[in-house]
N, C-alpha and C. Protein backbone atom coordinates (compact mmCIF):
# COMPACT_ATOMS: atom_id res chain seq x y z
N UNK A 1 56.01 73.70 255.20
CA UNK A 1 56.35 74.92 255.19
C UNK A 1 55.64 77.27 256.12
N UNK A 2 56.47 77.42 256.08
CA UNK A 2 57.12 78.13 256.96
C UNK A 2 56.60 79.68 256.76
N UNK A 3 54.87 80.70 256.85
CA UNK A 3 54.55 81.45 256.47
C UNK A 3 55.16 83.17 256.88
N UNK A 4 55.30 83.42 255.95
CA UNK A 4 56.78 85.30 255.92
C UNK A 4 55.26 85.11 257.74
N UNK A 5 54.04 85.44 257.37
CA UNK A 5 53.65 86.55 258.24
C UNK A 5 53.17 86.16 260.38
N UNK A 6 54.28 84.60 260.23
CA UNK A 6 54.12 84.65 261.61
C UNK A 6 56.54 85.62 261.46
N UNK A 7 56.18 86.03 261.03
CA UNK A 7 57.49 87.16 261.40
C UNK A 7 57.94 89.01 261.01
N UNK A 8 58.08 89.32 261.83
CA UNK A 8 58.06 90.93 262.19
C UNK A 8 59.49 90.94 261.54
N UNK A 9 59.94 92.48 260.64
CA UNK A 9 61.02 93.49 260.28
C UNK A 9 61.62 93.32 262.35
N UNK A 10 62.59 93.42 261.61
CA UNK A 10 63.71 94.16 262.62
C UNK A 10 63.04 94.91 263.08
N UNK A 11 62.62 96.42 262.95
CA UNK A 11 61.69 97.60 263.04
C UNK A 11 60.99 96.60 264.08
N UNK A 12 59.85 96.63 263.56
CA UNK A 12 58.84 95.63 263.73
C UNK A 12 59.78 95.27 265.85
N UNK A 13 60.27 94.13 265.58
CA UNK A 13 60.58 93.55 266.50
C UNK A 13 61.14 94.89 267.32
N UNK A 14 61.85 95.03 267.46
CA UNK A 14 62.66 96.42 268.61
C UNK A 14 61.31 97.01 268.75
N UNK A 15 60.13 97.74 268.70
CA UNK A 15 59.31 97.89 268.80
C UNK A 15 58.75 97.59 269.62
N UNK A 16 58.29 96.47 269.30
CA UNK A 16 57.92 95.46 269.84
C UNK A 16 58.24 94.96 271.57
N UNK A 17 59.56 95.16 271.75
CA UNK A 17 60.17 95.26 272.22
C UNK A 17 60.41 96.07 273.08
N UNK A 18 61.11 97.04 273.46
CA UNK A 18 61.25 98.29 273.51
C UNK A 18 62.64 98.38 273.23
N UNK A 19 63.12 97.90 272.20
CA UNK A 19 65.13 98.33 272.64
C UNK A 19 65.13 99.27 270.51
N UNK A 20 66.61 99.36 270.80
CA UNK A 20 66.95 99.53 269.45
C UNK A 20 67.22 98.30 267.94
N UNK A 21 67.12 98.82 266.93
CA UNK A 21 66.92 97.98 266.09
C UNK A 21 69.23 97.88 265.82
N UNK A 22 69.48 98.27 266.76
CA UNK A 22 70.71 97.50 267.22
C UNK A 22 71.08 97.04 267.86
N UNK A 23 69.74 96.75 269.26
CA UNK A 23 70.31 95.99 269.82
C UNK A 23 69.45 94.40 269.29
N UNK A 24 68.73 94.64 268.88
CA UNK A 24 68.66 92.71 268.60
C UNK A 24 69.56 92.89 267.41
N UNK A 25 70.32 93.45 266.30
CA UNK A 25 71.64 92.84 266.04
C UNK A 25 72.73 92.57 266.52
N UNK A 26 72.77 92.83 267.69
CA UNK A 26 74.05 92.43 268.55
C UNK A 26 73.40 90.84 269.93
N UNK A 27 72.11 91.22 270.10
CA UNK A 27 71.61 90.07 270.88
C UNK A 27 71.67 88.74 269.36
N UNK A 28 71.88 88.77 268.43
CA UNK A 28 72.04 88.04 267.52
C UNK A 28 72.18 87.89 267.41
N UNK A 29 73.53 88.31 267.08
CA UNK A 29 75.23 88.33 267.41
C UNK A 29 76.04 87.64 268.19
N UNK A 30 75.52 87.66 269.10
CA UNK A 30 75.76 87.14 270.25
C UNK A 30 74.71 85.90 271.30
N UNK A 31 73.82 85.72 270.43
CA UNK A 31 73.16 84.16 269.85
C UNK A 31 72.08 84.20 271.34
N UNK A 32 71.56 84.98 271.33
CA UNK A 32 70.61 85.39 272.73
C UNK A 32 69.88 85.62 272.44
N UNK A 33 69.24 85.41 270.66
CA UNK A 33 68.18 85.66 269.51
C UNK A 33 68.13 84.92 268.31
N UNK A 34 67.15 84.26 267.82
CA UNK A 34 67.55 83.58 266.58
C UNK A 34 66.99 84.68 265.45
N UNK A 35 67.72 84.54 264.16
CA UNK A 35 66.64 84.94 263.44
C UNK A 35 67.04 84.33 261.97
N UNK A 36 65.72 85.05 261.52
CA UNK A 36 66.23 84.26 259.84
C UNK A 36 65.95 85.01 259.16
N UNK A 37 66.51 85.05 257.54
CA UNK A 37 66.19 85.63 256.86
C UNK A 37 66.03 85.90 255.68
N UNK A 38 65.16 86.77 255.01
CA UNK A 38 64.06 86.40 253.98
C UNK A 38 64.83 86.16 252.37
N UNK A 39 63.81 84.68 252.24
CA UNK A 39 64.59 84.67 250.43
C UNK A 39 64.59 85.22 249.98
N UNK A 40 63.88 86.45 250.09
CA UNK A 40 64.56 87.47 248.22
C UNK A 40 65.29 87.98 249.32
N UNK A 41 64.92 89.30 249.87
CA UNK A 41 66.29 90.45 250.35
C UNK A 41 66.66 89.54 250.73
N UNK A 42 67.17 88.87 251.80
CA UNK A 42 68.46 88.38 253.14
C UNK A 42 68.17 88.82 254.57
N UNK A 43 67.45 90.58 254.21
CA UNK A 43 66.74 91.00 255.50
C UNK A 43 66.76 90.02 256.68
N UNK A 44 66.40 90.82 257.36
CA UNK A 44 66.47 89.54 259.27
C UNK A 44 65.34 89.61 259.66
N UNK A 45 64.55 88.39 259.76
CA UNK A 45 63.16 88.52 260.02
C UNK A 45 63.06 87.80 261.60
N UNK A 46 62.11 88.30 262.77
CA UNK A 46 61.88 88.18 263.70
C UNK A 46 60.59 87.08 264.00
N UNK A 47 60.71 85.67 264.15
CA UNK A 47 59.61 84.96 265.16
C UNK A 47 58.82 85.50 266.04
N UNK A 48 57.48 86.07 265.51
CA UNK A 48 56.86 86.52 266.61
C UNK A 48 56.94 85.54 267.85
N UNK A 49 56.47 83.96 267.94
CA UNK A 49 57.04 83.72 268.91
C UNK A 49 57.44 83.62 269.41
N UNK A 50 59.03 84.05 268.67
CA UNK A 50 60.63 83.41 269.78
C UNK A 50 60.02 85.66 270.43
N UNK A 51 60.00 86.82 270.02
CA UNK A 51 59.77 87.76 270.75
C UNK A 51 58.62 87.42 272.02
N UNK A 52 57.65 87.38 272.12
CA UNK A 52 56.64 86.65 272.21
C UNK A 52 57.58 85.61 274.51
N UNK A 53 58.35 85.01 273.58
CA UNK A 53 59.03 84.18 274.53
C UNK A 53 60.14 85.00 275.55
N UNK A 54 60.76 85.62 274.35
CA UNK A 54 61.95 86.81 274.79
C UNK A 54 61.43 88.14 276.13
N UNK A 55 59.43 88.26 274.96
CA UNK A 55 59.78 89.18 276.06
C UNK A 55 58.77 89.02 277.57
N UNK A 56 58.22 87.62 277.85
CA UNK A 56 57.87 87.39 278.88
C UNK A 56 58.64 86.93 279.26
N UNK A 57 60.19 86.83 278.99
CA UNK A 57 60.89 86.11 279.76
C UNK A 57 62.21 87.10 280.63
N UNK A 58 61.71 88.31 279.49
CA UNK A 58 61.88 89.77 280.93
C UNK A 58 61.41 90.58 281.41
N UNK A 59 60.21 90.22 281.38
CA UNK A 59 59.24 90.51 282.03
C UNK A 59 58.74 89.60 283.70
N UNK A 60 59.54 88.39 283.28
CA UNK A 60 59.37 87.66 284.78
C UNK A 60 60.64 88.35 285.13
N UNK A 61 61.82 88.29 284.53
CA UNK A 61 62.80 87.78 285.04
C UNK A 61 63.66 90.37 285.83
N UNK A 62 62.73 90.38 284.33
CA UNK A 62 63.29 92.15 285.35
C UNK A 62 64.99 92.37 284.23
N UNK A 63 64.87 91.55 283.73
CA UNK A 63 66.23 91.87 283.29
C UNK A 63 66.37 91.63 281.73
N UNK A 64 66.86 92.53 281.21
CA UNK A 64 67.50 91.84 279.47
C UNK A 64 68.29 91.60 279.57
N UNK A 65 68.21 90.46 278.06
CA UNK A 65 69.19 89.83 278.50
C UNK A 65 71.34 90.33 277.40
N UNK A 66 71.24 91.57 278.06
CA UNK A 66 72.52 92.55 277.47
C UNK A 66 72.65 92.27 279.75
N UNK A 67 71.42 91.79 280.75
CA UNK A 67 71.53 92.18 281.99
C UNK A 67 71.49 93.36 282.87
N UNK A 68 70.69 94.22 281.73
CA UNK A 68 70.44 95.90 281.81
C UNK A 68 68.93 94.94 282.56
N UNK A 69 68.93 96.58 283.73
CA UNK A 69 67.86 95.61 284.31
C UNK A 69 66.42 96.96 283.89
N UNK A 70 64.96 96.78 284.03
CA UNK A 70 64.09 97.21 283.65
C UNK A 70 64.14 98.25 284.93
N UNK A 71 63.41 98.82 284.68
CA UNK A 71 62.87 100.31 286.13
C UNK A 71 61.69 99.64 285.98
N UNK A 72 61.07 99.77 288.08
CA UNK A 72 60.32 99.45 288.28
C UNK A 72 59.09 100.74 288.82
N UNK A 73 59.75 102.09 288.09
CA UNK A 73 58.83 102.48 287.94
C UNK A 73 58.93 103.12 286.70
N UNK A 74 58.43 101.86 285.76
CA UNK A 74 57.77 102.58 284.50
C UNK A 74 56.62 103.42 284.45
N UNK A 75 55.63 102.75 285.84
CA UNK A 75 54.24 103.55 284.52
C UNK A 75 53.98 104.84 285.90
N UNK A 76 54.91 105.10 286.25
CA UNK A 76 54.86 105.95 287.58
C UNK A 76 54.72 107.94 286.52
N UNK A 77 53.77 108.58 286.46
CA UNK A 77 53.65 109.95 286.39
C UNK A 77 54.49 110.25 286.36
N UNK A 78 55.37 111.58 285.61
CA UNK A 78 56.41 112.30 285.38
C UNK A 78 56.12 113.81 286.76
N UNK A 79 57.02 114.25 286.82
CA UNK A 79 57.36 114.85 288.43
C UNK A 79 56.35 116.39 287.52
């Protein structure tokens, strides 16, 4: 049986990955990330383990599934 505490909402998933909810909707549509549906509301739910794996892949490759590259200067202080 699936536990709902293993899943997060689209808003929480977007914050975790540092992207917008619409980006996650597009990635799901393009088959780049699996989505589950809440049995009651039919809302999109993302498995925490899937998000952690995707984040690991992004950090290793430096590239998001859309092809956008993560900036290497992320931790720089503002000028």
